[in-house]
Amino acid sequence: MIERYNAGDAEGYSAFFAKDGVEAMYRGADLRVGRDGVRDGNAKTFADFPQNRAIVLERQAFGEFVTLHERVWRTPEGDPFEVMSIYSFDGDDKISRVEFVR
């Protein structure tokens, strides 16, 4: 999944999501709703920041949940920021929801 994200492949990245999957802020607003929304929203991010990259600093799995501690750069010369991503999975091993803590 992170490989697709780093390749700027919005279609490939969104394929990991359930049809009704959601990207959201932690305990907050939904950012992108549905696989198509995830694809389209990330396509815009990848177009705006073609050198956008993330690395996973730490990964934890617990039942149907996975957390990733990530460091993200929008541009090579820009300052990175860190994100905790909390993924929930449906019965088909697709992402039903991911919430970002920043």
C-alpha atoms as a PDB file:
ATOM      1  CA  MET A   1       0.000   0.000   0.000  1.00  0.00           C
ATOM      2  CA  ILE A   2       2.699   2.520   0.949  1.00  0.00           C
ATOM      3  CA  GLU A   3       4.502   1.635  -2.287  1.00  0.00           C
ATOM      4  CA  ARG A   4       1.416   2.654  -4.293  1.00  0.00           C
ATOM      5  CA  TYR A   5       1.147   5.866  -2.249  1.00  0.00           C
ATOM      6  CA  ASN A   6       4.814   6.703  -2.835  1.00  0.00           C
ATOM      7  CA  ALA A   7       4.449   5.976  -6.556  1.00  0.00           C
ATOM      8  CA  GLY A   8       1.644   8.551  -6.725  1.00  0.00           C
ATOM      9  CA  ASP A   9      -0.692   5.767  -7.871  1.00  0.00           C
ATOM     10  CA  ALA A  10      -4.097   6.944  -6.638  1.00  0.00           C
ATOM     11  CA  GLU A  11      -5.912   4.091  -8.400  1.00  0.00           C
ATOM     12  CA  GLY A  12      -3.609   1.441  -6.908  1.00  0.00           C
ATOM     13  CA  TYR A  13      -3.710   3.009  -3.442  1.00  0.00           C
ATOM     14  CA  SER A  14      -7.506   3.283  -3.432  1.00  0.00           C
ATOM     15  CA  ALA A  15      -7.821  -0.390  -4.450  1.00  0.00           C
ATOM     16  CA  PHE A  16      -6.860  -1.277  -0.857  1.00  0.00           C
ATOM     17  CA  PHE A  17     -10.093   0.396   0.354  1.00  0.00           C
ATOM     18  CA  ALA A  18     -13.575  -1.072   0.630  1.00  0.00           C
ATOM     19  CA  LYS A  19     -16.070   0.409  -1.818  1.00  0.00           C
ATOM     20  CA  ASP A  20     -17.444   2.564   1.021  1.00  0.00           C
ATOM     21  CA  GLY A  21     -14.061   3.091   2.724  1.00  0.00           C
ATOM     22  CA  VAL A  22     -13.278   6.428   4.366  1.00  0.00           C
ATOM     23  CA  GLU A  23     -10.227   8.575   5.081  1.00  0.00           C
ATOM     24  CA  ALA A  24     -10.822  10.888   8.062  1.00  0.00           C
ATOM     25  CA  MET A  25      -9.160  12.927  10.737  1.00  0.00           C
ATOM     26  CA  TYR A  26      -9.070  11.175  14.114  1.00  0.00           C
ATOM     27  CA  ARG A  27     -12.486  11.603  15.757  1.00  0.00           C
ATOM     28  CA  GLY A  28     -13.183  14.301  13.217  1.00  0.00           C
ATOM     29  CA  ALA A  29     -14.421  15.101   9.772  1.00  0.00           C
ATOM     30  CA  ASP A  30     -14.393  12.637   6.907  1.00  0.00           C
ATOM     31  CA  LEU A  31     -11.855  13.782   4.329  1.00  0.00           C
ATOM     32  CA  ARG A  32     -12.619  11.337   1.518  1.00  0.00           C
ATOM     33  CA  VAL A  33     -15.630   9.039   1.324  1.00  0.00           C
ATOM     34  CA  GLY A  34     -15.838   5.897  -0.807  1.00  0.00           C
ATOM     35  CA  ARG A  35     -13.114   4.260  -2.867  1.00  0.00           C
ATOM     36  CA  ASP A  36     -13.730   6.805  -5.638  1.00  0.00           C
ATOM     37  CA  GLY A  37     -13.397   9.676  -3.156  1.00  0.00           C
ATOM     38  CA  VAL A  38     -10.141   8.211  -1.826  1.00  0.00           C
ATOM     39  CA  ARG A  39      -8.844   7.838  -5.386  1.00  0.00           C
ATOM     40  CA  ASP A  40      -9.876  11.322  -6.517  1.00  0.00           C
ATOM     41  CA  GLY A  41      -8.679  13.079  -3.354  1.00  0.00           C
ATOM     42  CA  ASN A  42      -5.301  11.400  -3.453  1.00  0.00           C
ATOM     43  CA  ALA A  43      -4.970  12.007  -7.208  1.00  0.00           C
ATOM     44  CA  LYS A  44      -5.258  15.729  -6.438  1.00  0.00           C
ATOM     45  CA  THR A  45      -2.661  15.480  -3.646  1.00  0.00           C
ATOM     46  CA  PHE A  46      -0.289  13.559  -5.924  1.00  0.00           C
ATOM     47  CA  ALA A  47      -0.796  16.143  -8.702  1.00  0.00           C
ATOM     48  CA  ASP A  48      -0.202  19.042  -6.285  1.00  0.00           C
ATOM     49  CA  PHE A  49       2.832  17.341  -4.703  1.00  0.00           C
ATOM     50  CA  PRO A  50       4.363  14.967  -7.298  1.00  0.00           C
ATOM     51  CA  GLN A  51       7.356  14.240  -5.043  1.00  0.00           C
ATOM     52  CA  ASN A  52       5.170  13.416  -2.019  1.00  0.00           C
ATOM     53  CA  ARG A  53       6.674  10.494  -0.051  1.00  0.00           C
ATOM     54  CA  ALA A  54       6.041   8.646   3.209  1.00  0.00           C
ATOM     55  CA  ILE A  55       8.075   6.198   5.240  1.00  0.00           C
ATOM     56  CA  VAL A  56       6.719   3.922   7.938  1.00  0.00           C
ATOM     57  CA  LEU A  57       8.568   4.407  11.213  1.00  0.00           C
ATOM     58  CA  GLU A  58       6.544   1.877  13.209  1.00  0.00           C
ATOM     59  CA  ARG A  59       3.723  -0.580  12.545  1.00  0.00           C
ATOM     60  CA  GLN A  60       1.401  -2.272  15.048  1.00  0.00           C
ATOM     61  CA  ALA A  61      -1.368  -4.791  14.360  1.00  0.00           C
ATOM     62  CA  PHE A  62      -4.160  -5.665  16.773  1.00  0.00           C
ATOM     63  CA  GLY A  63      -7.076  -7.745  15.510  1.00  0.00           C
ATOM     64  CA  GLU A  64      -8.740  -5.898  12.645  1.00  0.00           C
ATOM     65  CA  PHE A  65      -6.772  -2.705  13.358  1.00  0.00           C
ATOM     66  CA  VAL A  66      -3.353  -1.581  12.150  1.00  0.00           C
ATOM     67  CA  THR A  67      -1.543   1.587  13.184  1.00  0.00           C
ATOM     68  CA  LEU A  68       1.258   3.169  11.198  1.00  0.00           C
ATOM     69  CA  HIS A  69       3.536   5.890  12.495  1.00  0.00           C
ATOM     70  CA  GLU A  70       4.645   7.675   9.329  1.00  0.00           C
ATOM     71  CA  ARG A  71       6.939  10.506   8.319  1.00  0.00           C
ATOM     72  CA  VAL A  72       5.712  12.388   5.240  1.00  0.00           C
ATOM     73  CA  TRP A  73       7.425  14.846   2.901  1.00  0.00           C
ATOM     74  CA  ARG A  74       5.394  16.859   0.416  1.00  0.00           C
ATOM     75  CA  THR A  75       8.596  18.043  -1.306  1.00  0.00           C
ATOM     76  CA  PRO A  76      12.215  16.849  -0.959  1.00  0.00           C
ATOM     77  CA  GLU A  77      13.336  20.221   0.429  1.00  0.00           C
ATOM     78  CA  GLY A  78      10.300  20.708   2.678  1.00  0.00           C
ATOM     79  CA  ASP A  79      10.095  19.866   6.349  1.00  0.00           C
ATOM     80  CA  PRO A  80       8.537  16.463   7.022  1.00  0.00           C
ATOM     81  CA  PHE A  81       5.572  15.946   9.306  1.00  0.00           C
ATOM     82  CA  GLU A  82       4.562  12.884  11.271  1.00  0.00           C
ATOM     83  CA  VAL A  83       1.225  11.121  11.190  1.00  0.00           C
ATOM     84  CA  MET A  84      -0.306   8.256  13.139  1.00  0.00           C
ATOM     85  CA  SER A  85      -2.711   6.387  10.847  1.00  0.00           C
ATOM     86  CA  ILE A  86      -5.271   4.048  12.420  1.00  0.00           C
ATOM     87  CA  TYR A  87      -6.655   1.561   9.900  1.00  0.00           C
ATOM     88  CA  SER A  88      -9.808  -0.530  10.367  1.00  0.00           C
ATOM     89  CA  PHE A  89     -10.461  -3.453   8.039  1.00  0.00           C
ATOM     90  CA  ASP A  90     -13.662  -5.103   6.866  1.00  0.00           C
ATOM     91  CA  GLY A  91     -14.241  -8.848   6.437  1.00  0.00           C
ATOM     92  CA  ASP A  92     -12.677  -8.800   2.961  1.00  0.00           C
ATOM     93  CA  ASP A  93      -9.375  -7.398   4.280  1.00  0.00           C
ATOM     94  CA  LYS A  94     -10.118  -4.037   2.679  1.00  0.00           C
ATOM     95  CA  ILE A  95      -9.700  -0.750   4.545  1.00  0.00           C
ATOM     96  CA  SER A  96     -13.084   0.347   5.843  1.00  0.00           C
ATOM     97  CA  ARG A  97     -11.733   3.449   7.575  1.00  0.00           C
ATOM     98  CA  VAL A  98      -8.443   5.156   8.268  1.00  0.00           C
ATOM     99  CA  GLU A  99      -8.158   8.018  10.736  1.00  0.00           C
ATOM    100  CA  PHE A 100      -5.157  10.341  10.760  1.00  0.00           C
ATOM    101  CA  VAL A 101      -3.687  11.866  13.937  1.00  0.00           C
ATOM    102  CA  ARG A 102      -1.512  14.897  13.229  1.00  0.00           C
END
